[in-house]
């Protein structure tokens, strides 16, 4: 994707003395056999400072208020003309590592979420969007927000397909994004290990 331009900056913001900084991350793009692109991104833990990002692919901004557990993570993508979809998953092993409430939207359009109580008292959040049309240079902003314990983690996957003559049928798009979403659902090993340590 030689048109994936623009340098990335990761901005970490804080609310006053009673707040903490979240650690958003963005992993490198991967390309499927059909040429579709996916990227895994999310938050490593809301009491962890710092962020990782990939130049030319996205800008992330994360705000976490430790007093209220409220957070807002914003990811700005830089994609050519085409379509993009998202999947999201969270892991909550205990009260201090669960996402209690969350919302997800792309360019102002809400992406429905499913919240499930798990055996340890936490909440597991999952979501899968349809295909959103995107244009290079236009707004491509995903916002994930809600409340979360300081040890909560989540992972998401963006799946992109270049513009072409025919847009994929809804069923085929759903299968494609579900396949890419597996990487987001697994999060990353250190996230899972981190959550289990707090179980």
Protein backbone atom coordinates (compact mmCIF):
# COMPACT_ATOMS: atom_id res chain seq x y z
CA UNK A 1 0.00 0.00 0.00
CA UNK A 2 2.30 2.73 -1.23
CA UNK A 3 -0.46 5.31 -0.79
CA UNK A 4 -0.53 4.83 2.95
CA UNK A 5 1.18 8.12 3.60
CA UNK A 6 1.46 10.68 6.38
CA UNK A 7 3.61 10.33 9.45
CA UNK A 8 2.11 9.00 12.65
CA UNK A 9 2.19 10.67 15.97
CA UNK A 10 0.85 9.08 19.14
CA UNK A 11 -0.52 11.62 21.55
CA UNK A 12 -1.14 10.75 25.18
CA UNK A 13 -3.33 13.14 27.15
CA UNK A 14 -4.09 13.36 30.87
CA UNK A 15 -6.90 14.81 32.99
CA UNK A 16 -5.43 16.40 36.20
CA UNK A 17 -3.95 14.72 39.23
CA UNK A 18 -6.48 11.93 39.74
CA UNK A 19 -6.17 10.50 36.26
CA UNK A 20 -3.95 7.95 34.56
CA UNK A 21 -2.68 7.52 31.02
CA UNK A 22 -3.84 4.65 28.82
CA UNK A 23 -1.58 2.80 26.41
CA UNK A 24 -3.04 2.48 22.94
CA UNK A 25 -1.17 0.37 20.42
CA UNK A 26 -1.25 -0.23 16.68
CA UNK A 27 0.43 -3.28 15.14
CA UNK A 28 1.84 -3.36 11.58
CA UNK A 29 -0.47 -3.90 8.62
CA UNK A 30 -0.77 -7.43 7.28
CA UNK A 31 -1.93 -8.38 3.78
CA UNK A 32 -4.13 -11.36 2.94
CA UNK A 33 -3.82 -13.57 -0.13
CA UNK A 34 -6.54 -11.49 -1.79
CA UNK A 35 -4.66 -8.26 -1.14
CA UNK A 36 -6.93 -7.07 1.67
CA UNK A 37 -5.19 -5.29 4.52
CA UNK A 38 -5.78 -5.66 8.25
CA UNK A 39 -4.28 -4.01 11.31
CA UNK A 40 -4.67 -4.99 14.96
CA UNK A 41 -4.97 -2.17 17.48
CA UNK A 42 -6.34 -1.56 20.96
CA UNK A 43 -5.32 -0.72 24.51
CA UNK A 44 -2.73 -2.63 26.58
CA UNK A 45 -4.06 -1.47 29.94
CA UNK A 46 -5.46 1.75 31.25
CA UNK A 47 -2.85 2.18 33.98
CA UNK A 48 0.04 1.74 31.52
CA UNK A 49 1.75 4.81 30.13
CA UNK A 50 2.89 5.03 26.51
CA UNK A 51 1.75 4.03 23.06
CA UNK A 52 2.99 2.21 19.99
CA UNK A 53 2.17 3.29 16.47
CA UNK A 54 3.08 2.56 12.86
CA UNK A 55 4.22 5.53 10.74
CA UNK A 56 1.94 6.34 7.82
CA UNK A 57 -0.94 4.20 8.99
CA UNK A 58 -2.72 5.72 11.96
CA UNK A 59 -2.65 8.30 14.74
CA UNK A 60 -3.96 7.28 18.16
CA UNK A 61 -5.04 9.43 21.09
CA UNK A 62 -6.08 7.97 24.43
CA UNK A 63 -7.55 9.62 27.54
CA UNK A 64 -8.30 7.78 30.79
CA UNK A 65 -9.67 9.28 34.01
CA UNK A 66 -8.64 7.11 36.95
CA UNK A 67 -11.17 8.77 39.25
CA UNK A 68 -14.20 7.87 37.11
CA UNK A 69 -12.73 5.01 34.99
CA UNK A 70 -13.95 6.88 31.89
CA UNK A 71 -11.88 6.51 28.73
CA UNK A 72 -11.91 7.65 25.12
CA UNK A 73 -9.54 6.12 22.57
CA UNK A 74 -9.43 7.72 19.11
CA UNK A 75 -7.78 6.14 16.05
CA UNK A 76 -7.36 8.17 12.85
CA UNK A 77 -6.62 5.96 9.83
CA UNK A 78 -4.98 6.96 6.54
CA UNK A 79 -6.39 4.62 3.89
CA UNK A 80 -6.80 4.92 0.10
CA UNK A 81 -10.24 4.78 -1.54
CA UNK A 82 -12.08 1.61 -0.60
CA UNK A 83 -14.06 0.03 2.22
CA UNK A 84 -13.14 -0.75 5.82
CA UNK A 85 -14.77 -2.75 8.61
CA UNK A 86 -13.96 -3.39 12.26
CA UNK A 87 -14.15 -6.12 14.87
CA UNK A 88 -13.55 -5.61 18.59
CA UNK A 89 -13.07 -7.83 21.62
CA UNK A 90 -12.23 -7.23 25.28
CA UNK A 91 -11.13 -9.43 28.13
CA UNK A 92 -12.23 -8.84 31.73
CA UNK A 93 -11.10 -11.34 34.36
CA UNK A 94 -12.03 -9.37 37.48
CA UNK A 95 -13.74 -6.17 38.52
CA UNK A 96 -10.57 -4.08 38.07
CA UNK A 97 -9.96 -5.45 34.58
CA UNK A 98 -13.43 -5.32 33.03
CA UNK A 99 -14.88 -2.84 30.56
CA UNK A 100 -18.19 -1.96 32.19
CA UNK A 101 -19.64 0.14 29.38
CA UNK A 102 -18.32 0.94 25.93
CA UNK A 103 -19.31 2.61 22.69
CA UNK A 104 -17.74 2.37 19.26
CA UNK A 105 -18.30 4.59 16.24
CA UNK A 106 -16.70 5.28 12.86
CA UNK A 107 -17.08 8.77 11.41
CA UNK A 108 -20.03 9.33 13.71
CA UNK A 109 -21.86 6.09 12.81
CA UNK A 110 -22.51 3.85 15.79
CA UNK A 111 -21.22 0.24 15.72
CA UNK A 112 -23.47 -1.98 17.89
CA UNK A 113 -21.77 -3.81 20.75
CA UNK A 114 -22.52 -7.02 22.64
CA UNK A 115 -21.77 -7.09 26.37
CA UNK A 116 -21.57 -10.45 28.15
CA UNK A 117 -21.04 -11.02 31.88
CA UNK A 118 -18.29 -13.56 32.50
CA UNK A 119 -17.84 -16.00 35.36
CA UNK A 120 -15.29 -13.86 37.23
CA UNK A 121 -17.63 -10.88 37.45
CA UNK A 122 -16.16 -8.94 34.55
CA UNK A 123 -17.73 -8.00 31.26
CA UNK A 124 -16.65 -9.21 27.82
CA UNK A 125 -17.37 -6.81 24.94
CA UNK A 126 -17.50 -7.82 21.28
CA UNK A 127 -18.50 -6.00 18.09
CA UNK A 128 -18.38 -6.37 14.32
CA UNK A 129 -19.21 -3.64 11.82
CA UNK A 130 -20.32 -3.70 8.24
CA UNK A 131 -18.37 -2.17 5.38
CA UNK A 132 -17.78 1.59 5.56
CA UNK A 133 -16.74 3.45 2.38
CA UNK A 134 -13.57 5.51 2.87
CA UNK A 135 -11.82 8.09 0.69
CA UNK A 136 -8.17 9.02 0.92
CA UNK A 137 -7.82 12.36 2.70
CA UNK A 138 -11.35 12.30 4.13
CA UNK A 139 -12.22 11.58 7.76
CA UNK A 140 -11.44 8.01 8.82
CA UNK A 141 -11.86 8.19 12.59
CA UNK A 142 -12.78 5.34 14.93
CA UNK A 143 -13.69 6.25 18.53
CA UNK A 144 -13.96 3.68 21.32
CA UNK A 145 -15.14 4.94 24.71
CA UNK A 146 -16.77 3.94 27.95
CA UNK A 147 -15.60 2.97 31.42
CA UNK A 148 -12.95 0.41 32.29
CA UNK A 149 -10.95 -0.84 35.23
CA UNK A 150 -7.26 0.09 35.22
CA UNK A 151 -6.23 -3.43 34.19
CA UNK A 152 -8.74 -3.78 31.35
CA UNK A 153 -7.47 -4.55 27.86
CA UNK A 154 -9.14 -4.75 24.47
CA UNK A 155 -8.14 -5.49 20.92
CA UNK A 156 -9.69 -4.49 17.61
CA UNK A 157 -9.04 -5.26 13.96
CA UNK A 158 -9.54 -2.98 10.97
CA UNK A 159 -9.93 -4.78 7.62
CA UNK A 160 -9.53 -2.72 4.45
CA UNK A 161 -10.23 -3.51 0.80
CA UNK A 162 -9.33 -1.19 -2.08
CA UNK A 163 -12.10 0.32 -4.17
CA UNK A 164 -13.05 -1.80 -7.18
CA UNK A 165 -15.87 -2.15 -9.66
CA UNK A 166 -18.03 -4.35 -7.43
CA UNK A 167 -18.52 -3.97 -3.68
CA UNK A 168 -18.44 -7.31 -1.81
CA UNK A 169 -21.77 -8.85 -0.92
CA UNK A 170 -22.64 -8.44 2.79
CA UNK A 171 -22.20 -12.17 3.43
CA UNK A 172 -18.74 -12.34 1.86
CA UNK A 173 -17.64 -9.17 3.65
CA UNK A 174 -18.81 -10.60 6.97
CA UNK A 175 -16.73 -13.74 6.42
CA UNK A 176 -13.67 -11.74 5.47
CA UNK A 177 -13.76 -9.42 8.45
CA UNK A 178 -14.56 -12.28 10.82
CA UNK A 179 -11.40 -14.04 9.67
CA UNK A 180 -9.26 -10.99 10.28
CA UNK A 181 -11.05 -10.37 13.56
CA UNK A 182 -9.54 -13.51 15.05
CA UNK A 183 -6.25 -11.73 15.53
CA UNK A 184 -7.95 -8.93 17.39
CA UNK A 185 -9.94 -11.37 19.51
CA UNK A 186 -6.74 -12.99 20.71
CA UNK A 187 -5.38 -9.56 21.62
CA UNK A 188 -1.71 -10.06 22.31
CA UNK A 189 -0.05 -12.61 24.59
CA UNK A 190 1.19 -10.06 27.05
CA UNK A 191 -2.32 -8.65 27.40
CA UNK A 192 -3.83 -12.04 28.18
CA UNK A 193 -1.05 -12.90 30.60
CA UNK A 194 -1.48 -9.53 32.25
CA UNK A 195 -5.20 -10.07 32.72
CA UNK A 196 -4.78 -13.58 34.09
CA UNK A 197 -2.30 -12.31 36.65
CA UNK A 198 -5.05 -10.13 38.09
CA UNK A 199 -7.70 -12.86 38.10
